Protein backbone atom coordinates (compact mmCIF):
# COMPACT_ATOMS: atom_id res chain seq x y z
CA MET A 1 20.53 5.52 69.51
CA GLU A 2 23.19 4.69 66.63
CA LEU A 3 21.91 1.03 66.78
CA LYS A 4 18.25 2.00 66.86
CA SER A 5 19.05 4.65 63.66
CA ALA A 6 20.65 1.97 61.76
CA MET A 7 17.59 -0.60 62.41
CA GLU A 8 14.89 1.91 61.19
CA ALA A 9 17.01 2.49 58.20
CA ALA A 10 17.12 -1.39 57.50
CA THR A 11 13.65 -1.81 57.88
CA ALA A 12 12.40 1.29 56.30
CA ASP A 13 10.73 -0.58 53.41
CA LEU A 14 9.00 -2.97 55.55
CA ASP A 15 5.41 -3.05 56.50
CA VAL A 16 6.17 -2.46 60.33
CA ARG A 17 4.02 -0.65 62.69
CA PRO A 18 5.19 2.45 64.29
CA GLY A 19 7.83 2.45 66.97
CA PHE A 20 8.59 -0.96 66.58
CA VAL A 21 12.33 -0.86 66.93
CA GLY A 22 12.06 1.83 69.38
CA ASP A 23 9.73 -0.49 71.24
CA VAL A 24 12.06 -3.40 70.92
CA MET A 25 15.10 -1.43 71.94
CA ALA A 26 13.30 -0.12 75.20
CA GLY A 27 13.50 -3.50 77.33
CA GLY A 28 15.56 -3.41 80.24
CA ARG A 29 19.41 -3.68 79.99
CA ARG A 30 19.22 -7.18 82.04
CA ARG A 31 17.65 -8.72 78.64
CA HIS A 32 19.65 -6.43 76.75
CA THR A 33 21.63 -9.57 74.98
CA ARG A 34 18.40 -11.89 74.76
CA ARG A 35 16.41 -9.22 73.15
CA LEU A 36 19.03 -8.34 70.33
CA VAL A 37 19.06 -12.15 69.54
CA ALA A 38 14.91 -11.91 69.15
CA LEU A 39 15.32 -8.68 67.22
CA THR A 40 17.39 -10.17 64.78
CA ALA A 41 15.15 -13.52 64.29
CA ALA A 42 12.30 -10.63 63.70
CA VAL A 43 14.21 -8.63 61.38
CA ALA A 44 15.19 -11.69 59.27
CA LEU A 45 11.53 -12.99 59.18
CA LEU A 46 9.92 -9.65 58.01
CA ALA A 47 12.69 -9.51 55.51
CA GLY A 48 12.01 -12.81 54.22
CA VAL A 49 15.35 -14.30 55.33
CA THR A 50 14.64 -18.10 56.46
CA THR A 51 17.86 -19.52 56.98
CA GLY A 52 20.89 -17.96 59.00
CA VAL A 53 19.00 -17.36 62.19
CA VAL A 54 20.88 -18.39 65.09
CA LEU A 55 19.59 -20.33 68.26
CA THR A 56 21.32 -19.76 71.37
CA ASP A 57 21.59 -22.01 74.53
CA SER A 58 20.53 -20.34 77.73
CA SER A 59 20.20 -21.66 81.51
CA SER A 60 18.76 -18.65 82.95
CA VAL A 61 15.16 -19.23 82.12
CA PRO A 62 13.47 -22.01 84.02
CA ALA A 63 12.12 -24.89 82.07
CA VAL A 64 8.17 -25.33 81.83
CA ALA A 65 7.37 -27.35 85.16
CA ALA A 66 4.08 -28.55 83.58
CA ASP A 67 5.22 -30.96 80.80
CA ALA A 68 7.04 -34.08 83.11
CA ARG A 69 8.62 -34.95 80.00
CA LEU A 70 11.28 -32.31 80.49
CA THR A 71 12.59 -34.28 83.50
CA ALA A 72 11.40 -37.55 82.74
CA THR A 73 13.20 -40.83 83.76
CA THR A 74 14.11 -42.11 80.17
CA GLU A 75 11.52 -45.16 79.33
CA GLY A 76 11.70 -47.96 76.70
CA ASP A 77 14.19 -50.82 76.39
CA LEU A 78 17.18 -48.61 75.57
CA SER A 79 16.75 -46.61 78.93
CA GLY A 80 20.02 -47.90 80.19
CA ASP A 81 22.23 -47.35 77.14
CA ARG A 82 23.74 -44.09 78.38
CA ALA A 83 26.13 -44.19 75.06
CA PHE A 84 22.73 -44.12 72.79
CA ILE A 85 20.89 -41.50 74.87
CA SER A 86 24.42 -39.34 74.83
CA GLU A 87 24.43 -39.55 70.99
CA ALA A 88 20.78 -38.56 70.61
CA GLN A 89 21.24 -35.41 72.73
CA ALA A 90 24.32 -34.58 70.48
CA LEU A 91 22.44 -35.20 67.62
CA TRP A 92 19.45 -32.70 68.76
CA GLY A 93 21.84 -30.07 70.02
CA ARG A 94 23.96 -30.11 66.84
CA SER A 95 20.70 -29.68 64.53
CA LYS A 96 19.00 -26.95 66.32
CA SER A 97 17.25 -25.61 63.38
CA ALA A 98 16.16 -29.48 61.94
CA GLY A 99 12.59 -29.69 61.46
CA LEU A 100 11.77 -25.99 62.42
CA ARG A 101 10.11 -23.76 60.24
CA PRO A 102 10.47 -19.93 60.24
CA TYR A 103 6.68 -19.26 61.52
CA ASP A 104 7.80 -21.48 64.88
CA ASN A 105 9.92 -18.59 65.53
CA VAL A 106 12.06 -20.36 67.86
CA THR A 107 14.91 -18.23 69.03
CA GLU A 108 16.52 -19.87 72.04
CA PHE A 109 16.85 -23.44 73.62
CA THR A 110 16.34 -22.44 77.50
CA GLY A 111 16.96 -25.67 79.03
CA PRO A 112 18.75 -29.22 78.96
CA SER A 113 17.12 -31.66 75.91
CA ASN A 114 15.88 -34.67 77.76
CA VAL A 115 15.30 -38.27 76.29
CA PHE A 116 12.13 -39.26 77.61
CA TRP A 117 11.91 -42.27 75.50
CA ALA A 118 14.41 -44.69 74.10
CA ALA A 119 14.04 -47.93 72.30
CA ASN A 120 14.50 -50.48 69.55
CA THR A 121 12.10 -50.45 66.57
CA PRO A 122 11.42 -52.12 63.23
CA SER A 123 13.34 -49.23 61.78
CA GLY A 124 16.22 -49.53 64.67
CA PRO A 125 16.84 -47.58 67.51
CA ALA A 126 14.94 -44.25 68.15
CA ALA A 127 14.66 -41.83 70.99
CA LEU A 128 11.96 -39.13 71.93
CA LEU A 129 13.42 -35.75 73.20
CA ALA A 130 11.78 -32.68 74.84
CA GLN A 131 13.33 -29.37 75.63
CA ALA A 132 12.15 -26.00 76.52
CA VAL A 133 12.42 -23.26 74.18
CA ARG A 134 11.81 -19.70 73.84
CA VAL A 135 9.35 -18.34 70.92
CA GLY A 136 10.21 -14.85 69.81
CA ASP A 137 10.10 -12.72 72.79
CA ASP A 138 7.18 -14.21 74.75
CA PRO A 139 8.45 -14.93 78.10
CA SER A 140 6.87 -17.87 79.01
CA PRO A 141 9.12 -21.12 77.41
CA ARG A 142 7.07 -23.23 75.50
CA VAL A 143 8.43 -27.37 74.67
CA LEU A 144 9.67 -28.56 71.64
CA VAL A 145 9.49 -32.07 71.30
CA GLY A 146 10.83 -34.58 68.64
CA LEU A 147 12.57 -37.72 67.39
CA VAL A 148 15.96 -38.87 66.87
CA ALA A 149 16.71 -41.85 64.52
CA GLY A 150 18.91 -43.11 62.07
CA GLY A 151 21.68 -40.76 62.98
CA GLY A 152 19.77 -37.57 62.63
CA VAL A 153 16.68 -35.36 63.61
CA VAL A 154 13.78 -36.62 61.76
CA GLN A 155 10.72 -34.64 62.90
CA ARG A 156 10.06 -31.72 65.80
CA GLU A 157 6.99 -30.48 66.90
CA LEU A 158 6.40 -27.47 68.98
CA ASP A 159 3.44 -27.77 71.55
CA ARG A 160 1.24 -25.11 70.81
CA GLY A 161 -1.57 -26.58 73.24
CA GLN A 162 -2.74 -29.27 70.70
CA GLU A 163 0.34 -31.70 70.00
CA SER A 164 -0.39 -34.41 67.44
CA GLY A 165 2.15 -36.80 68.69
CA LEU A 166 2.94 -38.41 65.69
CA TYR A 167 5.90 -39.55 64.30
CA ARG A 168 6.95 -41.36 61.06
CA PHE A 169 10.39 -42.82 60.02
CA GLY A 170 12.04 -45.55 58.57
CA PRO A 171 13.70 -46.20 55.09
CA ASP A 172 10.22 -46.85 53.74
CA SER A 173 8.53 -44.56 56.28
CA SER A 174 6.55 -47.58 57.46
CA THR A 175 7.29 -46.80 61.28
CA TYR A 176 4.84 -44.84 63.26
CA LEU A 177 5.17 -43.54 67.18
CA ALA A 178 2.25 -42.70 68.60
CA LEU A 179 1.92 -40.96 71.75
CA GLY A 180 -0.57 -41.24 73.84
CA LEU A 181 -0.89 -38.11 75.77
CA GLY A 182 -3.20 -39.33 78.45
CA GLY A 183 -5.47 -40.66 76.13
CA LYS A 184 -6.02 -43.61 73.68
CA VAL A 185 -4.69 -43.92 70.02
CA PHE A 186 -6.50 -45.92 67.35
CA TRP A 187 -5.30 -46.75 63.95
CA SER A 188 -6.68 -48.49 60.98
CA VAL A 189 -5.61 -49.35 57.31
CA ASN A 190 -6.73 -50.33 54.16
CA PRO A 191 -10.44 -49.09 53.94
CA VAL A 192 -12.89 -50.98 51.90
CA ARG A 193 -15.29 -49.35 49.48
CA GLY A 194 -18.71 -51.94 49.86
CA PRO A 195 -21.74 -52.21 47.15
CA ASP A 196 -22.86 -48.82 47.76
CA ASN A 197 -19.93 -46.90 47.41
CA ARG A 198 -19.32 -46.20 50.70
CA LEU A 199 -16.11 -46.81 52.65
CA SER A 200 -15.37 -48.54 56.11
CA ARG A 201 -12.74 -49.04 58.03
CA THR A 202 -11.81 -51.53 60.83
CA TRP A 203 -9.86 -49.80 63.76
CA ARG A 204 -7.48 -51.34 66.65
CA GLU A 205 -6.31 -49.78 69.77
CA ALA A 206 -2.31 -49.01 69.54
CA GLU A 207 -0.87 -50.84 72.20
CA THR A 208 1.34 -47.98 74.29
CA GLY A 209 4.12 -49.09 76.34
CA PRO A 210 6.41 -47.54 78.72
CA GLY A 211 6.22 -43.69 78.30
CA GLY A 212 3.09 -43.66 76.75
CA VAL A 213 4.54 -44.53 73.29
CA ALA A 214 3.38 -46.92 70.88
CA VAL A 215 4.83 -48.41 68.09
CA VAL A 216 2.96 -49.34 64.69
CA THR A 217 4.15 -50.54 61.29
CA ALA A 218 2.13 -49.67 58.25
CA ARG A 219 3.06 -49.06 54.72
CA GLN A 220 1.94 -46.11 52.92
CA SER A 221 -0.01 -48.08 50.52
CA GLU A 222 -2.08 -49.16 53.36
CA ARG A 223 -2.99 -45.85 54.25
CA PRO A 224 -2.76 -45.62 57.51
CA VAL A 225 -4.82 -43.36 59.68
CA PHE A 226 -4.65 -42.43 63.60
CA VAL A 227 -7.23 -40.81 65.85
CA ARG A 228 -6.89 -40.00 69.44
CA ALA A 229 -10.06 -40.78 70.97
CA ASP A 230 -11.97 -42.12 74.11
CA ASN A 231 -13.30 -44.61 71.74
CA PRO A 232 -12.75 -46.05 68.11
CA PRO A 233 -14.61 -44.18 65.24
CA LEU A 234 -17.51 -46.29 63.95
CA PRO A 235 -16.48 -48.38 60.79
CA GLN A 236 -18.30 -45.86 58.50
CA ASP A 237 -17.74 -42.80 60.54
CA PHE A 238 -15.20 -40.42 58.61
CA GLY A 239 -15.59 -37.80 59.92
CA SER A 240 -13.33 -37.81 63.04
CA GLU A 241 -10.22 -35.47 62.95
CA PRO A 242 -7.02 -37.65 62.05
CA LEU A 243 -3.87 -37.31 63.68
CA ARG A 244 -1.31 -35.47 61.18
CA GLY A 245 2.53 -35.43 61.95
CA ARG A 246 4.70 -33.16 60.82
CA PHE A 247 5.16 -35.41 57.60
CA ALA A 248 1.75 -35.24 56.50
CA TRP A 249 2.06 -31.20 55.62
CA ARG A 250 3.79 -30.00 52.25
CA PRO A 251 7.64 -30.28 52.13
CA ASP A 252 9.21 -27.09 52.76
CA THR A 253 11.47 -27.70 49.59
CA ALA A 254 10.40 -24.87 46.87
CA PHE A 255 9.08 -26.09 44.05
CA VAL A 256 8.22 -29.60 44.81
CA PRO A 257 5.90 -30.59 42.04
CA HIS A 258 2.43 -32.25 43.30
CA PRO A 259 1.80 -35.71 42.41
CA GLY A 260 -1.05 -37.25 40.72
CA LEU A 261 -2.16 -35.22 37.52
CA GLY A 262 -0.23 -32.11 38.49
CA TRP A 263 -2.51 -29.19 37.73
CA SER A 264 -3.48 -26.38 40.07
CA GLY A 265 -6.03 -23.94 40.32
CA ARG A 266 -9.74 -23.95 39.89
CA GLN A 267 -11.27 -23.65 36.63
CA CYS A 268 -14.56 -23.80 35.25
CA ALA A 269 -16.35 -25.67 32.40
CA SER A 270 -19.29 -23.53 32.17
CA ASP A 271 -20.30 -19.86 32.84
CA SER A 272 -22.01 -18.65 35.85
CA PRO A 273 -25.26 -17.82 35.39
CA VAL A 274 -25.32 -15.17 37.80
CA GLU A 275 -22.82 -11.80 37.83
CA GLY A 276 -20.49 -11.89 40.76
CA PRO A 277 -19.44 -13.96 43.64
CA GLY A 278 -22.94 -14.43 45.24
CA TRP A 279 -23.61 -17.70 43.82
CA PRO A 280 -24.97 -19.99 45.72
CA ALA A 281 -26.83 -18.12 48.02
CA GLU A 282 -27.32 -19.95 51.12
CA LYS A 283 -24.42 -22.02 51.82
CA ALA A 284 -21.02 -22.75 50.25
CA PRO A 285 -20.33 -25.83 48.83
CA SER A 286 -17.86 -28.05 50.35
CA PRO A 287 -17.48 -31.26 48.06
CA ARG A 288 -14.66 -32.98 50.41
CA GLY A 289 -16.21 -32.32 53.64
CA ASP A 290 -19.85 -33.63 52.32
CA LEU A 291 -18.37 -36.92 50.50
CA HIS A 292 -16.37 -37.18 54.15
CA GLN A 293 -19.62 -37.18 55.84
CA ARG A 294 -21.18 -39.97 53.72
CA GLY A 295 -18.32 -41.85 53.84
CA LEU A 296 -17.70 -41.97 50.09
CA LEU A 297 -14.33 -39.99 50.74
CA ASP A 298 -11.55 -41.75 52.67
CA TYR A 299 -9.37 -39.87 55.36
CA VAL A 300 -6.86 -37.13 53.87
CA VAL A 301 -4.02 -37.12 56.01
CA ASP A 302 -0.62 -36.91 53.63
CA TRP A 303 -0.09 -33.76 51.91
CA ASP A 304 -0.23 -35.68 48.46
CA ALA A 305 -3.36 -37.28 48.98
CA THR A 306 -5.36 -34.70 47.41
CA GLY A 307 -4.36 -32.63 43.83
CA GLU A 308 -4.26 -29.13 43.81
CA TRP A 309 -6.95 -28.61 41.41
CA SER A 310 -10.48 -28.59 40.56
CA VAL A 311 -13.19 -27.99 38.01
CA CYS A 312 -16.45 -26.48 38.78
CA ALA A 313 -19.57 -26.13 36.33
CA TRP A 314 -23.15 -24.78 36.54
CA LEU A 315 -25.62 -27.49 34.82
CA PRO A 316 -28.62 -27.10 32.38
CA ASP A 317 -30.95 -27.73 35.22
CA GLY A 318 -29.36 -25.10 37.55
CA ARG A 319 -27.39 -27.24 39.93
CA TYR A 320 -23.54 -26.67 40.28
CA ALA A 321 -20.82 -29.46 39.81
CA GLU A 322 -17.47 -29.25 41.23
CA VAL A 323 -14.87 -32.05 40.64
CA PHE A 324 -11.37 -33.05 42.07
CA GLU A 325 -8.73 -35.53 42.77
CA ALA A 326 -7.93 -37.70 45.28
CA PHE A 327 -5.87 -40.69 45.89
CA GLY A 328 -5.51 -41.02 42.36
CA GLU A 329 -8.91 -40.89 41.42
CA LEU A 330 -11.81 -38.37 40.66
CA TYR A 331 -14.42 -37.34 42.98
CA GLY A 332 -17.16 -34.54 42.96
CA ALA A 333 -20.32 -33.66 44.14
CA LEU A 334 -23.68 -31.84 42.65
CA TYR A 335 -25.47 -29.25 44.72
CA GLU A 336 -28.74 -27.40 44.30
CA PRO A 337 -29.34 -23.52 43.36
CA SER A 338 -29.36 -23.13 47.35
CA GLY A 339 -26.08 -24.84 47.85
CA SER A 340 -27.57 -27.78 49.52
CA PHE A 341 -25.90 -31.34 48.97
CA SER A 342 -27.59 -33.14 45.91
CA ALA A 343 -25.62 -35.91 44.83
CA PRO A 344 -21.98 -37.39 44.66
CA LEU A 345 -19.68 -38.08 41.77
CA LEU A 346 -17.20 -41.04 41.65
CA GLY A 347 -15.29 -40.47 38.19
CA GLY A 348 -12.66 -43.36 38.26
CA LYS A 349 -9.18 -43.04 37.88
CA ALA A 350 -7.06 -39.97 36.96
CA VAL A 351 -4.64 -40.91 34.77
CA LYS A 352 -1.62 -38.04 33.98
CA GLY A 353 -1.37 -37.07 30.37
CA THR A 354 -5.12 -38.14 29.76
CA PRO A 355 -7.80 -35.32 29.73
CA VAL A 356 -10.32 -35.78 32.95
CA VAL A 357 -13.87 -37.02 31.57
CA VAL A 358 -16.28 -37.16 33.96
CA PRO A 359 -20.41 -37.77 33.19
CA LEU A 360 -22.86 -36.29 34.66
CA PRO A 361 -26.09 -37.93 35.87
CA ASP A 362 -29.59 -36.90 34.69
CA GLY A 363 -28.42 -36.00 31.09
CA GLN A 364 -26.64 -33.00 32.33
CA GLY A 365 -23.67 -33.53 30.13
CA THR A 366 -19.97 -34.70 30.53
CA ILE A 367 -17.33 -32.36 32.23
CA VAL A 368 -14.00 -32.82 30.13
CA ALA A 369 -10.92 -31.14 31.59
CA ASP A 370 -7.24 -30.52 30.35
CA PHE A 371 -5.27 -27.81 32.13
CA ASP A 372 -3.72 -25.31 29.33
CA GLY A 373 -5.98 -27.53 26.90
CA ARG A 374 -8.41 -25.67 24.25
CA ILE A 375 -11.55 -27.91 24.64
CA GLY A 376 -14.65 -28.35 22.48
CA PRO A 377 -15.80 -26.46 19.42
CA GLN A 378 -15.37 -22.93 20.74
CA GLU A 379 -11.90 -24.03 22.23
CA ARG A 380 -12.89 -23.35 25.87
CA ILE A 381 -9.36 -23.22 27.61
CA HIS A 382 -9.12 -25.57 30.36
CA ALA A 383 -12.39 -27.30 30.80
CA TRP A 384 -15.69 -27.63 29.04
CA LEU A 385 -19.19 -28.92 29.66
CA ALA A 386 -19.97 -31.47 26.92
CA PRO A 387 -23.86 -31.39 26.43
CA ALA A 388 -25.54 -34.47 26.85
CA GLY A 389 -25.62 -36.60 23.61
CA THR A 390 -21.81 -35.80 22.79
CA LYS A 391 -20.03 -38.91 21.74
CA ASP A 392 -16.36 -37.21 21.47
CA VAL A 393 -14.48 -33.75 22.25
CA MET A 394 -11.49 -32.23 20.42
CA VAL A 395 -8.77 -31.19 22.72
CA ARG A 396 -6.08 -29.17 21.07
CA HIS A 397 -2.40 -28.31 22.89
CA GLY A 398 -0.86 -25.81 20.41
CA ASP A 399 -0.28 -27.25 16.90
CA VAL A 400 -1.46 -30.67 18.43
CA SER A 401 -5.00 -32.06 18.59
CA SER A 402 -6.70 -35.43 19.50
CA VAL A 403 -10.29 -36.64 19.96
CA VAL A 404 -11.22 -37.55 23.39
CA PRO A 405 -14.04 -40.11 23.06
CA LEU A 406 -16.91 -39.31 25.75
CA SER A 407 -18.68 -42.74 25.72
């Protein structure tokens, strides 16, 4: 009861359902030690603590028999290199928290790790490992899969039923390992924009070797994209779901500045014609999805492919416009008052330190944006819809003003 009282006092200010600590402590004594570990992790997570969680090893919990990688014989041209395999397992064991995020909530390694693939790659020797783990107080073990290369754990993925199976590594991040996972993997680089402004991609199948692992080399400047499917996507199909490895999501490091213009948030260049959030009435606009569907915007895979800002505007003819940044260029779309798609916008390069200028079709004016700037004769903050025929606009930052040409 002393431990229960202490825990209730420690969590008194947290939003936890009534009886939480008591329920946790009410488990059978035969699981006492394991539940203390799970409780410690839960309290740390609730309190916002994301470091210092102790992950334990255990051999008392059976492995996940359904995943053959936990016991499979090592495949690859380094399968006979016992020294390398042992080193990979040692690095994996010493770096239990590497590649895990707080919401993964892995509290226990419940079985031995297994190197199911080890081979030489263009970026040096690499190994893929699998291990059964405990997630929170879930009685069913999960599978943790990851890559060891370059003297450390590069990436880990907790299999939650929809495994990506894509790993990127190397000094220039140009080596990919793609797991077949019982299917085919297709990949493409260097999209081409045609005279009609539509993009197209040439796809090829990634050749999987022993263990169902494909090794692919592609520079980031080539915009590599991977898709797992029965057949390759059509050249102008940009609606397929691309594979996104751990590297594709925003880094965990706090305060990482976003590349591109570096702006964040959503601002409007003109005022809504109606009060409240009821516009558009029938369908919310989705510029990125609509441009993907029409082959005008490339696959967005890496976290830094798009900016974190957008500018909206209600136009004189009743339509709605939204502009955003992707791949260092300006994109957007026009929508009818009903919310249906009207026309695409391709605005050219996004240049850091320079205001965004996007001319609109059909004499609807020009969107001018410069976050934290005061724009136009009324000094509207962040963004302004300049009327048709406007030749230039004044933009002020503090005591410094500049004239931005619009034509």
